[in-house]
Every structure is written in C-alpha cells, then in structure tokens.
Amino acid sequence: QVQLVESGGGLVQPGGSLRLSCAASGFTFRLYAMSWYRQAPGKERELVASITYDESLTNYADSVKGRFTISRDNAKNTVYLQMNSLKPEDTAVYYCNGRLGRNDYWGKGTLVTVSS
C-alpha cells in the first residue's frame, strides 16, 4: 500500500521557518523523483520544488528560489522541504509527490499558514 505522509506544517510568522517532511512507504522510494507542490485558497496547485532520485538535480519555482531547500534521505524514505524567510503568500496546503514513469503518488497535504 503506497503512502506519502506529510508533516511539519503549522502557523508561523512572516520571516520565520518551517521544515516539512514526507515519509514514504509501499514503493521503492530511492528510484523515484520527489517533489513538493502547494495549493493556496482559490488557486491552482503549483510545483514548489523537485529533486531527482539520486539528488543530482533540484528545481525550484522562481517564487521560492533562495528561500526553500528540498532534500531527501533515501535510507529513511523521506523527503524534506526547508522553508526560510516565509511570506504570507507562501500560505497553502503543501503536498508531497513521488513520480516514476506512469506511477504518480500523492500525499494528503499539510497546511502552512504564514501570518502575524
């Protein structure tokens, strides 16, 4: 049974930091490209960051470059998103995604709220 379980969301003040985690199970995590997406209220889901299976490449949305860092630990079947200098416009539900060929897996999301 494939599972992606996000954690680490919450309420944070502007300028603060959060670290999201996504624990994977039920598939061969080390072979999958992993990504974080987010969806703000009333907006479409957008790609935030992605990382290749072997950590050789990362990719970021322009809006988060220099503030967010994606990483993974294949020994722990976990992908992370370190978010610094958070802004109110980063408020969204953040989703973990794993993809390999036709296999496309999603978590249920974790809410990040940036507000004073």
Protein backbone atom coordinates (compact mmCIF):
# COMPACT_ATOMS: atom_id res chain seq x y z
CA GLN A 1 0.00 0.00 0.00
CA VAL A 2 1.55 3.25 -1.17
CA GLN A 3 1.63 6.04 1.39
CA LEU A 4 3.06 9.53 1.45
CA VAL A 5 2.55 11.25 4.77
CA GLU A 6 3.43 14.91 5.14
CA SER A 7 4.16 16.57 8.46
CA GLY A 8 5.65 19.78 9.85
CA GLY A 9 3.06 22.30 8.75
CA GLY A 10 1.60 24.91 11.06
CA LEU A 11 1.27 28.59 11.81
CA VAL A 12 4.39 30.72 11.51
CA GLN A 13 5.05 34.45 11.49
CA PRO A 14 6.39 36.20 8.39
CA GLY A 15 10.15 35.79 8.23
CA GLY A 16 10.00 32.52 10.12
CA SER A 17 10.99 29.00 9.12
CA LEU A 18 9.40 25.58 8.88
CA ARG A 19 10.67 22.19 7.84
CA LEU A 20 8.24 19.86 6.11
CA SER A 21 8.79 16.12 5.99
CA CYS A 22 7.23 13.46 3.80
CA ALA A 23 7.56 9.84 4.84
CA ALA A 24 7.10 7.33 2.02
CA SER A 25 6.20 3.66 2.12
CA GLY A 26 4.88 0.97 -0.19
CA PHE A 27 7.17 1.71 -3.15
CA THR A 28 10.90 1.84 -3.94
CA PHE A 29 11.48 5.40 -2.80
CA ARG A 30 15.12 5.60 -3.90
CA LEU A 31 14.10 5.20 -7.56
CA TYR A 32 11.51 7.99 -7.59
CA ALA A 33 11.80 11.68 -8.33
CA MET A 34 10.18 13.56 -5.47
CA SER A 35 8.51 16.93 -5.45
CA TRP A 36 6.65 19.36 -3.27
CA TYR A 37 3.59 21.13 -4.62
CA ARG A 38 1.32 23.66 -2.96
CA GLN A 39 -2.19 24.93 -3.42
CA ALA A 40 -3.34 28.22 -1.99
CA PRO A 41 -7.04 29.00 -1.48
CA GLY A 42 -8.69 29.75 -4.80
CA LYS A 43 -5.57 28.94 -6.80
CA GLU A 44 -4.31 26.00 -8.82
CA ARG A 45 -1.79 23.57 -7.46
CA GLU A 46 1.76 24.60 -8.35
CA LEU A 47 5.17 22.96 -8.28
CA VAL A 48 7.37 24.30 -5.49
CA ALA A 49 10.49 22.13 -5.70
CA SER A 50 11.65 18.79 -7.06
CA ILE A 51 14.64 16.51 -6.63
CA THR A 52 15.87 13.61 -8.74
CA TYR A 53 16.09 10.08 -7.35
CA ASP A 54 19.84 10.39 -6.78
CA GLU A 55 19.82 14.03 -5.57
CA SER A 56 21.84 15.07 -8.62
CA LEU A 57 19.38 17.77 -9.65
CA THR A 58 16.97 20.07 -7.89
CA ASN A 59 14.49 22.52 -9.32
CA TYR A 60 12.60 25.39 -7.69
CA ALA A 61 9.77 27.73 -8.52
CA ASP A 62 11.05 31.26 -9.01
CA SER A 63 8.93 32.43 -6.09
CA VAL A 64 10.85 30.26 -3.60
CA LYS A 65 14.40 30.24 -5.00
CA GLY A 66 16.92 31.18 -2.35
CA ARG A 67 14.42 30.63 0.47
CA PHE A 68 13.38 26.95 0.19
CA THR A 69 15.58 23.86 0.00
CA ILE A 70 14.45 20.37 -0.98
CA SER A 71 16.43 17.34 0.18
CA ARG A 72 15.94 13.63 0.64
CA ASP A 73 17.23 10.76 2.72
CA ASN A 74 16.86 7.54 0.76
CA ALA A 75 17.86 5.48 3.80
CA LYS A 76 14.86 6.91 5.68
CA ASN A 77 12.46 7.04 2.69
CA THR A 78 11.86 10.69 3.47
CA VAL A 79 11.91 13.94 1.52
CA TYR A 80 12.16 17.33 3.18
CA LEU A 81 11.38 20.93 2.39
CA GLN A 82 13.21 23.53 4.44
CA MET A 83 11.36 26.83 4.18
CA ASN A 84 13.03 30.02 5.36
CA SER A 85 12.06 33.69 5.19
CA LEU A 86 8.43 32.71 4.88
CA LYS A 87 5.96 35.19 3.44
CA PRO A 88 2.18 35.42 3.74
CA GLU A 89 1.93 34.39 0.09
CA ASP A 90 3.52 31.05 0.99
CA THR A 91 0.32 30.14 2.83
CA ALA A 92 -1.02 26.97 1.23
CA VAL A 93 -1.55 23.26 1.62
CA TYR A 94 1.75 21.59 0.74
CA TYR A 95 1.67 18.20 -0.98
CA CYS A 96 4.36 15.60 -1.43
CA ASN A 97 4.58 13.82 -4.79
CA GLY A 98 6.55 10.81 -6.00
CA ARG A 99 6.85 10.02 -9.69
CA LEU A 100 8.44 7.30 -11.81
CA GLY A 101 7.14 6.61 -15.29
CA ARG A 102 3.39 6.18 -15.07
CA ASN A 103 3.45 5.89 -11.29
CA ASP A 104 2.35 9.16 -9.72
CA TYR A 105 1.75 9.19 -5.97
CA TRP A 106 0.39 11.98 -3.76
CA GLY A 107 0.13 12.67 -0.08
CA LYS A 108 -2.87 14.29 1.58
CA GLY A 109 -1.07 17.52 2.33
CA THR A 110 -0.07 19.64 5.29
CA LEU A 111 -1.27 23.19 5.89
CA VAL A 112 1.24 26.03 6.18
CA THR A 113 -0.10 29.37 7.35
CA VAL A 114 2.15 32.42 7.38
CA SER A 115 0.55 35.20 9.37
CA SER A 116 1.27 37.66 12.15
